[in-house]
C-alpha atoms as a PDB file:
ATOM      1  CA  MET A   1      -6.532  -2.769 -34.873  1.00  0.00           C
ATOM      2  CA  LYS A   2      -6.295  -5.117 -31.924  1.00  0.00           C
ATOM      3  CA  ASP A   3      -3.191  -6.890 -31.057  1.00  0.00           C
ATOM      4  CA  PRO A   4      -3.976 -10.591 -30.786  1.00  0.00           C
ATOM      5  CA  VAL A   5      -1.435 -11.125 -28.057  1.00  0.00           C
ATOM      6  CA  ALA A   6      -2.605  -8.592 -25.954  1.00  0.00           C
ATOM      7  CA  GLU A   7      -6.073  -9.831 -26.597  1.00  0.00           C
ATOM      8  CA  ARG A   8      -5.107 -13.123 -25.105  1.00  0.00           C
ATOM      9  CA  ILE A   9      -3.248 -11.565 -22.089  1.00  0.00           C
ATOM     10  CA  ARG A  10      -6.567  -9.531 -21.092  1.00  0.00           C
ATOM     11  CA  SER A  11      -8.828 -12.675 -21.451  1.00  0.00           C
ATOM     12  CA  HIS A  12      -5.997 -15.004 -19.749  1.00  0.00           C
ATOM     13  CA  PRO A  13      -7.257 -16.609 -16.302  1.00  0.00           C
ATOM     14  CA  LYS A  14      -3.974 -15.912 -14.770  1.00  0.00           C
ATOM     15  CA  TYR A  15      -4.059 -12.435 -15.888  1.00  0.00           C
ATOM     16  CA  LEU A  16      -7.634 -11.990 -14.294  1.00  0.00           C
ATOM     17  CA  GLU A  17      -6.297 -13.295 -10.993  1.00  0.00           C
ATOM     18  CA  LEU A  18      -3.239 -10.907 -10.985  1.00  0.00           C
ATOM     19  CA  ARG A  19      -5.653  -8.131 -11.586  1.00  0.00           C
ATOM     20  CA  ARG A  20      -7.900  -9.468  -8.782  1.00  0.00           C
ATOM     21  CA  ARG A  21      -4.851  -9.767  -6.148  1.00  0.00           C
ATOM     22  CA  ARG A  22      -3.301  -6.742  -7.274  1.00  0.00           C
ATOM     23  CA  ASN A  23      -6.171  -4.567  -6.860  1.00  0.00           C
ATOM     24  CA  ARG A  24      -7.328  -6.280  -3.632  1.00  0.00           C
ATOM     25  CA  LEU A  25      -4.026  -5.573  -1.800  1.00  0.00           C
ATOM     26  CA  GLY A  26      -3.983  -2.235  -3.081  1.00  0.00           C
ATOM     27  CA  GLY A  27      -7.202  -1.488  -1.872  1.00  0.00           C
ATOM     28  CA  TRP A  28      -6.561  -2.789   1.452  1.00  0.00           C
ATOM     29  CA  LEU A  29      -3.075  -0.909   1.692  1.00  0.00           C
ATOM     30  CA  THR A  30      -5.008   2.192   0.695  1.00  0.00           C
ATOM     31  CA  ALA A  31      -7.512   2.009   3.329  1.00  0.00           C
ATOM     32  CA  ILE A  32      -5.222   1.371   6.130  1.00  0.00           C
ATOM     33  CA  MET A  33      -2.914   4.023   5.322  1.00  0.00           C
ATOM     34  CA  LEU A  34      -5.934   6.581   5.146  1.00  0.00           C
ATOM     35  CA  LEU A  35      -7.333   5.128   8.069  1.00  0.00           C
ATOM     36  CA  VAL A  36      -3.839   6.120   9.891  1.00  0.00           C
ATOM     37  CA  TYR A  37      -3.006   9.276   8.347  1.00  0.00           C
ATOM     38  CA  TYR A  38      -6.568  10.984   8.673  1.00  0.00           C
ATOM     39  CA  GLY A  39      -6.774   9.310  12.174  1.00  0.00           C
ATOM     40  CA  TYR A  40      -3.610  11.452  13.171  1.00  0.00           C
ATOM     41  CA  VAL A  41      -5.179  14.220  11.401  1.00  0.00           C
ATOM     42  CA  ALA A  42      -8.291  13.788  13.309  1.00  0.00           C
ATOM     43  CA  LEU A  43      -6.100  13.861  16.860  1.00  0.00           C
ATOM     44  CA  ILE A  44      -4.638  17.030  15.652  1.00  0.00           C
ATOM     45  CA  ALA A  45      -7.896  18.939  15.179  1.00  0.00           C
ATOM     46  CA  PHE A  46      -9.850  17.123  18.051  1.00  0.00           C
ATOM     47  CA  ASP A  47      -7.312  16.389  20.903  1.00  0.00           C
ATOM     48  CA  LYS A  48      -4.546  18.549  20.752  1.00  0.00           C
ATOM     49  CA  PRO A  49      -4.137  18.431  24.624  1.00  0.00           C
ATOM     50  CA  PHE A  50      -3.285  14.903  23.824  1.00  0.00           C
ATOM     51  CA  LEU A  51      -0.646  15.236  21.445  1.00  0.00           C
ATOM     52  CA  ALA A  52       0.812  18.634  23.239  1.00  0.00           C
ATOM     53  CA  ARG A  53       1.676  15.940  26.449  1.00  0.00           C
ATOM     54  CA  PRO A  54       5.422  16.679  26.671  1.00  0.00           C
ATOM     55  CA  ILE A  55       7.535  13.485  26.550  1.00  0.00           C
ATOM     56  CA  GLY A  56       9.918  13.867  30.000  1.00  0.00           C
ATOM     57  CA  GLN A  57      11.307  16.933  31.008  1.00  0.00           C
ATOM     58  CA  GLY A  58      12.307  17.952  27.398  1.00  0.00           C
ATOM     59  CA  VAL A  59       9.966  20.182  24.946  1.00  0.00           C
ATOM     60  CA  THR A  60       9.222  16.873  22.581  1.00  0.00           C
ATOM     61  CA  THR A  61       5.567  16.476  22.566  1.00  0.00           C
ATOM     62  CA  LEU A  62       3.911  13.017  22.133  1.00  0.00           C
ATOM     63  CA  GLY A  63       2.887  14.121  18.668  1.00  0.00           C
ATOM     64  CA  ILE A  64       6.079  13.988  17.039  1.00  0.00           C
ATOM     65  CA  PRO A  65       6.605  10.282  17.739  1.00  0.00           C
ATOM     66  CA  ILE A  66       3.069   9.589  16.831  1.00  0.00           C
ATOM     67  CA  GLY A  67       3.733  11.602  13.343  1.00  0.00           C
ATOM     68  CA  LEU A  68       7.186  10.087  12.724  1.00  0.00           C
ATOM     69  CA  GLY A  69       5.101   6.437  13.110  1.00  0.00           C
ATOM     70  CA  VAL A  70       2.838   7.710  10.476  1.00  0.00           C
ATOM     71  CA  ILE A  71       5.720   8.191   8.377  1.00  0.00           C
ATOM     72  CA  VAL A  72       7.272   4.780   9.163  1.00  0.00           C
ATOM     73  CA  PHE A  73       4.362   3.146   8.701  1.00  0.00           C
ATOM     74  CA  THR A  74       4.271   4.634   5.347  1.00  0.00           C
ATOM     75  CA  ILE A  75       7.566   3.129   4.448  1.00  0.00           C
ATOM     76  CA  VAL A  76       6.622   0.146   6.049  1.00  0.00           C
ATOM     77  CA  ILE A  77       3.604  -0.542   4.005  1.00  0.00           C
ATOM     78  CA  THR A  78       4.930   0.414   0.868  1.00  0.00           C
ATOM     79  CA  LEU A  79       8.050  -2.218   1.086  1.00  0.00           C
ATOM     80  CA  ALA A  80       5.351  -4.759   1.790  1.00  0.00           C
ATOM     81  CA  TYR A  81       3.843  -3.910  -1.399  1.00  0.00           C
ATOM     82  CA  ILE A  82       7.298  -3.873  -3.233  1.00  0.00           C
ATOM     83  CA  ARG A  83       7.809  -7.503  -1.856  1.00  0.00           C
ATOM     84  CA  ARG A  84       4.719  -8.568  -2.860  1.00  0.00           C
ATOM     85  CA  ALA A  85       4.737  -7.022  -6.498  1.00  0.00           C
ATOM     86  CA  ASN A  86       8.624  -8.340  -7.122  1.00  0.00           C
ATOM     87  CA  GLY A  87       7.628 -11.728  -5.722  1.00  0.00           C
ATOM     88  CA  GLU A  88       4.399 -12.884  -6.307  1.00  0.00           C
ATOM     89  CA  PHE A  89       3.035 -10.420  -8.825  1.00  0.00           C
ATOM     90  CA  ASP A  90       6.363 -10.752 -10.952  1.00  0.00           C
ATOM     91  CA  ARG A  91       6.370 -14.419 -11.305  1.00  0.00           C
ATOM     92  CA  LEU A  92       2.601 -14.315 -12.682  1.00  0.00           C
ATOM     93  CA  THR A  93       3.453 -11.784 -14.787  1.00  0.00           C
ATOM     94  CA  ALA A  94       6.311 -14.202 -16.202  1.00  0.00           C
ATOM     95  CA  GLU A  95       3.997 -16.877 -16.511  1.00  0.00           C
ATOM     96  CA  ILE A  96       1.078 -14.937 -17.940  1.00  0.00           C
ATOM     97  CA  LEU A  97       3.674 -13.622 -20.746  1.00  0.00           C
ATOM     98  CA  LYS A  98       4.950 -17.175 -21.453  1.00  0.00           C
ATOM     99  CA  GLU A  99       1.737 -18.479 -21.955  1.00  0.00           C
ATOM    100  CA  ALA A 100       0.308 -16.018 -23.869  1.00  0.00           C
ATOM    101  CA  GLY A 101       3.256 -15.696 -26.393  1.00  0.00           C
ATOM    102  CA  GLN A 102       2.887 -19.259 -27.778  1.00  0.00           C
END
């Protein structure tokens, strides 16, 4: 048994636009994150001397801030997605539900 409201939502032009925008953003953020993460892993695998360079006179190497940068970058792109989802995507979802419920 099919729900007529769900069918109206699935065929609604704004819903199709929402899916397209959300999937495109998710794809781009995933590709960027994979590039950053695997770039760091590639540095570990292929250029250990670069990451092992000490910073200043201490024992901290260059790999530590780069690794922290990967973590911070992950948090930043997650926050960017959340901001867009809570703004644009939620607004579109509310419009779709309002129009499809009529």
